[in-house]
PDB file of all heavy atoms in Angstrom:
ATOM      1  N   SER A   1     106.110 105.191 105.914  1.00  0.00           N
ATOM      2  CA  SER A   1     107.513 104.852 106.142  1.00  0.00           C
ATOM      3  C   SER A   1     108.058 105.438 107.437  1.00  0.00           C
ATOM      4  O   SER A   1     109.219 105.220 107.789  1.00  0.00           O
ATOM      5  CB  SER A   1     108.387 105.367 104.978  1.00  0.00           C
ATOM      6  OG  SER A   1     108.011 104.759 103.765  1.00  0.00           O
ATOM      7  N   TYR A   2     107.212 106.193 108.134  1.00  0.00           N
ATOM      8  CA  TYR A   2     107.649 106.923 109.312  1.00  0.00           C
ATOM      9  C   TYR A   2     106.988 106.409 110.578  1.00  0.00           C
ATOM     10  O   TYR A   2     105.755 106.256 110.627  1.00  0.00           O
ATOM     11  CB  TYR A   2     107.340 108.412 109.176  1.00  0.00           C
ATOM     12  CG  TYR A   2     108.150 109.111 108.113  1.00  0.00           C
ATOM     13  CD1 TYR A   2     107.776 109.058 106.781  1.00  0.00           C
ATOM     14  CD2 TYR A   2     109.308 109.814 108.447  1.00  0.00           C
ATOM     15  CE1 TYR A   2     108.527 109.689 105.808  1.00  0.00           C
ATOM     16  CE2 TYR A   2     110.061 110.440 107.495  1.00  0.00           C
ATOM     17  CZ  TYR A   2     109.669 110.375 106.164  1.00  0.00           C
ATOM     18  OH  TYR A   2     110.416 111.000 105.217  1.00  0.00           O
ATOM     19  N   ALA A   3     107.813 106.160 111.593  1.00  0.00           N
ATOM     20  CA  ALA A   3     107.292 106.016 112.945  1.00  0.00           C
ATOM     21  C   ALA A   3     106.991 107.432 113.449  1.00  0.00           C
ATOM     22  O   ALA A   3     107.696 108.381 113.097  1.00  0.00           O
ATOM     23  CB  ALA A   3     108.307 105.330 113.836  1.00  0.00           C
ATOM     24  N   MET A   4     105.959 107.555 114.265  1.00  0.00           N
ATOM     25  CA  MET A   4     105.497 108.868 114.701  1.00  0.00           C
ATOM     26  C   MET A   4     105.499 108.954 116.216  1.00  0.00           C
ATOM     27  O   MET A   4     105.339 107.951 116.923  1.00  0.00           O
ATOM     28  CB  MET A   4     104.093 109.145 114.179  1.00  0.00           C
ATOM     29  CG  MET A   4     103.961 109.106 112.669  1.00  0.00           C
ATOM     30  SD  MET A   4     104.926 110.373 111.842  1.00  0.00           S
ATOM     31  CE  MET A   4     104.111 111.871 112.441  1.00  0.00           C
ATOM     32  N   GLY A   5     105.649 110.176 116.699  1.00  0.00           N
ATOM     33  CA  GLY A   5     105.607 110.394 118.136  1.00  0.00           C
ATOM     34  C   GLY A   5     104.962 111.723 118.468  1.00  0.00           C
ATOM     35  O   GLY A   5     104.868 112.617 117.620  1.00  0.00           O
ATOM     36  N   TRP A   6     104.485 111.807 119.702  1.00  0.00           N
ATOM     37  CA  TRP A   6     103.995 113.061 120.263  1.00  0.00           C
ATOM     38  C   TRP A   6     104.868 113.416 121.475  1.00  0.00           C
ATOM     39  O   TRP A   6     105.163 112.546 122.303  1.00  0.00           O
ATOM     40  CB  TRP A   6     102.545 112.929 120.722  1.00  0.00           C
ATOM     41  CG  TRP A   6     101.542 112.956 119.615  1.00  0.00           C
ATOM     42  CD1 TRP A   6     100.930 111.883 119.043  1.00  0.00           C
ATOM     43  CD2 TRP A   6     101.005 114.125 118.975  1.00  0.00           C
ATOM     44  NE1 TRP A   6     100.069 112.303 118.058  1.00  0.00           N
ATOM     45  CE2 TRP A   6     100.072 113.674 118.005  1.00  0.00           C
ATOM     46  CE3 TRP A   6     101.202 115.500 119.108  1.00  0.00           C
ATOM     47  CZ2 TRP A   6      99.372 114.545 117.194  1.00  0.00           C
ATOM     48  CZ3 TRP A   6     100.500 116.367 118.300  1.00  0.00           C
ATOM     49  CH2 TRP A   6      99.600 115.886 117.346  1.00  0.00           C
ATOM     50  N   PHE A   7     105.230 114.683 121.534  1.00  0.00           N
ATOM     51  CA  PHE A   7     105.970 115.232 122.665  1.00  0.00           C
ATOM     52  C   PHE A   7     105.234 116.470 123.142  1.00  0.00           C
ATOM     53  O   PHE A   7     104.367 116.988 122.437  1.00  0.00           O
ATOM     54  CB  PHE A   7     107.398 115.599 122.239  1.00  0.00           C
ATOM     55  CG  PHE A   7     108.263 114.412 121.909  1.00  0.00           C
ATOM     56  CD1 PHE A   7     108.103 113.742 120.710  1.00  0.00           C
ATOM     57  CD2 PHE A   7     109.214 113.967 122.806  1.00  0.00           C
ATOM     58  CE1 PHE A   7     108.892 112.622 120.409  1.00  0.00           C
ATOM     59  CE2 PHE A   7     110.010 112.873 122.519  1.00  0.00           C
ATOM     60  CZ  PHE A   7     109.827 112.201 121.313  1.00  0.00           C
ATOM     61  N   ARG A   8     105.583 116.938 124.323  1.00  0.00           N
ATOM     62  CA  ARG A   8     104.981 118.176 124.814  1.00  0.00           C
ATOM     63  C   ARG A   8     106.017 118.973 125.599  1.00  0.00           C
ATOM     64  O   ARG A   8     106.983 118.412 126.141  1.00  0.00           O
ATOM     65  CB  ARG A   8     103.756 117.884 125.681  1.00  0.00           C
ATOM     66  CG  ARG A   8     104.051 117.185 126.977  1.00  0.00           C
ATOM     67  CD  ARG A   8     102.755 116.816 127.693  1.00  0.00           C
ATOM     68  NE  ARG A   8     102.993 116.166 128.981  1.00  0.00           N
ATOM     69  CZ  ARG A   8     102.038 115.636 129.726  1.00  0.00           C
ATOM     70  NH1 ARG A   8     100.754 115.690 129.342  1.00  0.00           N
ATOM     71  NH2 ARG A   8     102.327 115.070 130.896  1.00  0.00           N
ATOM     72  N   GLN A   9     105.770 120.266 125.644  1.00  0.00           N
ATOM     73  CA  GLN A   9     106.637 121.151 126.410  1.00  0.00           C
ATOM     74  C   GLN A   9     105.798 122.155 127.170  1.00  0.00           C
ATOM     75  O   GLN A   9     105.084 122.953 126.561  1.00  0.00           O
ATOM     76  CB  GLN A   9     107.645 121.879 125.510  1.00  0.00           C
ATOM     77  CG  GLN A   9     108.694 122.659 126.266  1.00  0.00           C
ATOM     78  CD  GLN A   9     109.844 123.079 125.380  1.00  0.00           C
ATOM     79  OE1 GLN A   9     109.751 123.083 124.151  1.00  0.00           O
ATOM     80  NE2 GLN A   9     110.963 123.448 126.000  1.00  0.00           N
ATOM     81  N   ALA A  10     105.861 122.063 128.468  1.00  0.00           N
ATOM     82  CA  ALA A  10     105.145 122.985 129.341  1.00  0.00           C
ATOM     83  C   ALA A  10     106.018 124.211 129.589  1.00  0.00           C
ATOM     84  O   ALA A  10     107.252 124.150 129.457  1.00  0.00           O
ATOM     85  CB  ALA A  10     104.791 122.306 130.650  1.00  0.00           C
ATOM     86  N   PRO A  11     105.414 125.336 129.954  1.00  0.00           N
ATOM     87  CA  PRO A  11     106.188 126.554 130.222  1.00  0.00           C
ATOM     88  C   PRO A  11     107.264 126.321 131.273  1.00  0.00           C
ATOM     89  O   PRO A  11     107.012 125.760 132.342  1.00  0.00           O
ATOM     90  CB  PRO A  11     105.136 127.526 130.735  1.00  0.00           C
ATOM     91  CG  PRO A  11     103.862 127.054 130.139  1.00  0.00           C
ATOM     92  CD  PRO A  11     103.962 125.558 130.104  1.00  0.00           C
ATOM     93  N   GLY A  12     108.490 126.688 130.929  1.00  0.00           N
ATOM     94  CA  GLY A  12     109.599 126.559 131.877  1.00  0.00           C
ATOM     95  C   GLY A  12     110.150 125.166 132.030  1.00  0.00           C
ATOM     96  O   GLY A  12     110.995 124.928 132.888  1.00  0.00           O
ATOM     97  N   LYS A  13     109.652 124.237 131.221  1.00  0.00           N
ATOM     98  CA  LYS A  13     110.118 122.856 131.335  1.00  0.00           C
ATOM     99  C   LYS A  13     110.695 122.365 130.014  1.00  0.00           C
ATOM    100  O   LYS A  13     110.468 122.955 128.965  1.00  0.00           O
ATOM    101  CB  LYS A  13     108.953 121.952 131.777  1.00  0.00           C
ATOM    102  CG  LYS A  13     108.429 122.233 133.161  1.00  0.00           C
ATOM    103  CD  LYS A  13     107.438 121.183 133.596  1.00  0.00           C
ATOM    104  CE  LYS A  13     106.976 121.425 135.016  1.00  0.00           C
ATOM    105  NZ  LYS A  13     106.013 120.384 135.479  1.00  0.00           N
ATOM    106  N   GLU A  14     111.422 121.273 130.097  1.00  0.00           N
ATOM    107  CA  GLU A  14     111.988 120.680 128.880  1.00  0.00           C
ATOM    108  C   GLU A  14     110.911 119.889 128.131  1.00  0.00           C
ATOM    109  O   GLU A  14     109.912 119.460 128.714  1.00  0.00           O
ATOM    110  CB  GLU A  14     113.164 119.771 129.251  1.00  0.00           C
ATOM    111  CG  GLU A  14     114.357 120.527 129.820  1.00  0.00           C
ATOM    112  CD  GLU A  14     115.581 119.657 129.965  1.00  0.00           C
ATOM    113  OE1 GLU A  14     115.476 118.436 129.738  1.00  0.00           O
ATOM    114  OE2 GLU A  14     116.652 120.189 130.299  1.00  0.00           O
ATOM    115  N   ARG A  15     111.164 119.690 126.859  1.00  0.00           N
ATOM    116  CA  ARG A  15     110.270 118.882 126.055  1.00  0.00           C
ATOM    117  C   ARG A  15     110.302 117.447 126.548  1.00  0.00           C
ATOM    118  O   ARG A  15     111.378 116.907 126.845  1.00  0.00           O
ATOM    119  CB  ARG A  15     110.678 118.942 124.586  1.00  0.00           C
ATOM    120  CG  ARG A  15     109.689 118.332 123.621  1.00  0.00           C
ATOM    121  CD  ARG A  15     110.072 118.619 122.187  1.00  0.00           C
ATOM    122  NE  ARG A  15     110.083 120.059 121.906  1.00  0.00           N
ATOM    123  CZ  ARG A  15     110.183 120.565 120.685  1.00  0.00           C
ATOM    124  NH1 ARG A  15     110.255 119.764 119.641  1.00  0.00           N
ATOM    125  NH2 ARG A  15     110.205 121.877 120.500  1.00  0.00           N
ATOM    126  N   GLU A  16     109.135 116.821 126.650  1.00  0.00           N
ATOM    127  CA  GLU A  16     109.074 115.444 127.157  1.00  0.00           C
ATOM    128  C   GLU A  16     108.247 114.563 126.224  1.00  0.00           C
ATOM    129  O   GLU A  16     107.332 115.014 125.543  1.00  0.00           O
ATOM    130  CB  GLU A  16     108.478 115.406 128.566  1.00  0.00           C
ATOM    131  CG  GLU A  16     107.023 115.841 128.656  1.00  0.00           C
ATOM    132  CD  GLU A  16     106.441 115.650 130.050  1.00  0.00           C
ATOM    133  OE1 GLU A  16     107.161 115.186 130.962  1.00  0.00           O
ATOM    134  OE2 GLU A  16     105.251 115.975 130.238  1.00  0.00           O
ATOM    135  N   PHE A  17     108.589 113.303 126.274  1.00  0.00           N
ATOM    136  CA  PHE A  17     107.915 112.293 125.464  1.00  0.00           C
ATOM    137  C   PHE A  17     106.500 112.053 126.007  1.00  0.00           C
ATOM    138  O   PHE A  17     106.283 112.017 127.221  1.00  0.00           O
ATOM    139  CB  PHE A  17     108.720 110.994 125.525  1.00  0.00           C
ATOM    140  CG  PHE A  17     108.003 109.806 124.950  1.00  0.00           C
ATOM    141  CD1 PHE A  17     107.882 109.646 123.584  1.00  0.00           C
ATOM    142  CD2 PHE A  17     107.438 108.857 125.787  1.00  0.00           C
ATOM    143  CE1 PHE A  17     107.225 108.565 123.047  1.00  0.00           C
ATOM    144  CE2 PHE A  17     106.780 107.755 125.262  1.00  0.00           C
ATOM    145  CZ  PHE A  17     106.672 107.613 123.896  1.00  0.00           C
ATOM    146  N   VAL A  18     105.558 111.888 125.071  1.00  0.00           N
ATOM    147  CA  VAL A  18     104.175 111.569 125.452  1.00  0.00           C
ATOM    148  C   VAL A  18     103.769 110.184 124.964  1.00  0.00           C
ATOM    149  O   VAL A  18     103.359 109.322 125.734  1.00  0.00           O
ATOM    150  CB  VAL A  18     103.194 112.621 124.891  1.00  0.00           C
ATOM    151  CG1 VAL A  18     101.756 112.237 125.204  1.00  0.00           C
ATOM    152  CG2 VAL A  18     103.520 114.006 125.458  1.00  0.00           C
ATOM    153  N   ALA A  19     103.908 109.961 123.643  1.00  0.00           N
ATOM    154  CA  ALA A  19     103.457 108.693 123.067  1.00  0.00           C
ATOM    155  C   ALA A  19     104.133 108.488 121.723  1.00  0.00           C
ATOM    156  O   ALA A  19     104.530 109.458 121.080  1.00  0.00           O
ATOM    157  CB  ALA A  19     101.938 108.672 122.926  1.00  0.00           C
ATOM    158  N   ALA A  20     104.194 107.237 121.304  1.00  0.00           N
ATOM    159  CA  ALA A  20     104.767 106.921 119.997  1.00  0.00           C
ATOM    160  C   ALA A  20     104.034 105.747 119.392  1.00  0.00           C
ATOM    161  O   ALA A  20     103.447 104.924 120.109  1.00  0.00           O
ATOM    162  CB  ALA A  20     106.250 106.615 120.123  1.00  0.00           C
ATOM    163  N   ILE A  21     104.109 105.650 118.059  1.00  0.00           N
ATOM    164  CA  ILE A  21     103.414 104.583 117.342  1.00  0.00           C
ATOM    165  C   ILE A  21     104.286 104.114 116.201  1.00  0.00           C
ATOM    166  O   ILE A  21     104.992 104.909 115.577  1.00  0.00           O
ATOM    167  CB  ILE A  21     102.033 105.076 116.859  1.00  0.00           C
ATOM    168  CG1 ILE A  21     101.184 103.942 116.321  1.00  0.00           C
ATOM    169  CG2 ILE A  21     102.181 106.199 115.820  1.00  0.00           C
ATOM    170  CD1 ILE A  21      99.704 104.334 116.121  1.00  0.00           C
ATOM    171  N   SER A  22     104.255 102.816 115.934  1.00  0.00           N
ATOM    172  CA  SER A  22     105.054 102.245 114.871  1.00  0.00           C
ATOM    173  C   SER A  22     104.477 102.586 113.504  1.00  0.00           C
ATOM    174  O   SER A  22     103.358 103.080 113.375  1.00  0.00           O
ATOM    175  CB  SER A  22     105.137 100.731 115.051  1.00  0.00           C
ATOM    176  OG  SER A  22     103.854 100.153 115.042  1.00  0.00           O
ATOM    177  N   LYS A  23     105.254 102.278 112.464  1.00  0.00           N
ATOM    178  CA  LYS A  23     104.830 102.566 111.109  1.00  0.00           C
ATOM    179  C   LYS A  23     103.491 101.942 110.756  1.00  0.00           C
ATOM    180  O   LYS A  23     102.658 102.552 110.078  1.00  0.00           O
ATOM    181  CB  LYS A  23     105.858 102.046 110.102  1.00  0.00           C
ATOM    182  CG  LYS A  23     107.150 102.783 110.070  1.00  0.00           C
ATOM    183  CD  LYS A  23     107.977 102.462 108.833  1.00  0.00           C
ATOM    184  CE  LYS A  23     108.136 100.990 108.549  1.00  0.00           C
ATOM    185  NZ  LYS A  23     109.059 100.767 107.412  1.00  0.00           N
ATOM    186  N   ASN A  24     103.284 100.714 111.217  1.00  0.00           N
ATOM    187  CA  ASN A  24     102.060 100.001 110.860  1.00  0.00           C
ATOM    188  C   ASN A  24     100.934 100.215 111.869  1.00  0.00           C
ATOM    189  O   ASN A  24      99.856  99.651 111.727  1.00  0.00           O
ATOM    190  CB  ASN A  24     102.347  98.500 110.699  1.00  0.00           C
ATOM    191  CG  ASN A  24     102.891  97.874 111.971  1.00  0.00           C
ATOM    192  OD1 ASN A  24     102.967  98.512 113.015  1.00  0.00           O
ATOM    193  ND2 ASN A  24     103.307  96.625 111.870  1.00  0.00           N
ATOM    194  N   GLY A  25     101.213 101.016 112.879  1.00  0.00           N
ATOM    195  CA  GLY A  25     100.171 101.356 113.849  1.00  0.00           C
ATOM    196  C   GLY A  25      99.905 100.294 114.892  1.00  0.00           C
ATOM    197  O   GLY A  25      99.025 100.462 115.754  1.00  0.00           O
ATOM    198  N   ILE A  26     100.633  99.200 114.853  1.00  0.00           N
ATOM    199  CA  ILE A  26     100.347  98.092 115.768  1.00  0.00           C
ATOM    200  C   ILE A  26     100.960  98.324 117.135  1.00  0.00           C
ATOM    201  O   ILE A  26     100.341  98.050 118.177  1.00  0.00           O
ATOM    202  CB  ILE A  26     100.829  96.762 115.166  1.00  0.00           C
ATOM    203  CG1 ILE A  26      99.946  96.404 113.959  1.00  0.00           C
ATOM    204  CG2 ILE A  26     100.850  95.651 116.211  1.00  0.00           C
ATOM    205  CD1 ILE A  26     100.345  95.136 113.267  1.00  0.00           C
ATOM    206  N   ASN A  27     102.187  98.809 117.183  1.00  0.00           N
ATOM    207  CA  ASN A  27     102.862  99.014 118.467  1.00  0.00           C
ATOM    208  C   ASN A  27     102.757 100.471 118.904  1.00  0.00           C
ATOM    209  O   ASN A  27     102.956 101.398 118.101  1.00  0.00           O
ATOM    210  CB  ASN A  27     104.343  98.627 118.363  1.00  0.00           C
ATOM    211  CG  ASN A  27     104.527  97.122 118.355  1.00  0.00           C
ATOM    212  OD1 ASN A  27     103.577  96.376 118.588  1.00  0.00           O
ATOM    213  ND2 ASN A  27     105.743  96.690 118.092  1.00  0.00           N
ATOM    214  N   THR A  28     102.441 100.637 120.185  1.00  0.00           N
ATOM    215  CA  THR A  28     102.390 101.968 120.773  1.00  0.00           C
ATOM    216  C   THR A  28     103.118 101.943 122.113  1.00  0.00           C
ATOM    217  O   THR A  28     103.257 100.890 122.750  1.00  0.00           O
ATOM    218  CB  THR A  28     100.942 102.430 120.994  1.00  0.00           C
ATOM    219  OG1 THR A  28     100.269 101.489 121.840  1.00  0.00           O
ATOM    220  CG2 THR A  28     100.185 102.575 119.689  1.00  0.00           C
ATOM    221  N   VAL A  29     103.568 103.115 122.519  1.00  0.00           N
ATOM    222  CA  VAL A  29     104.216 103.241 123.821  1.00  0.00           C
ATOM    223  C   VAL A  29     103.846 104.616 124.397  1.00  0.00           C
ATOM    224  O   VAL A  29     103.650 105.569 123.635  1.00  0.00           O
ATOM    225  CB  VAL A  29     105.745 103.064 123.699  1.00  0.00           C
ATOM    226  CG1 VAL A  29     106.348 104.121 122.809  1.00  0.00           C
ATOM    227  CG2 VAL A  29     106.419 103.052 125.059  1.00  0.00           C
TER     228      VAL A  29
END
């Protein structure tokens, strides 16, 4: 039921978007 995402945060920097995937796994960004 959940769309999922990955983010990352490097030292001294803000958290940034890396990748995301839809509930059914078909769409990614």
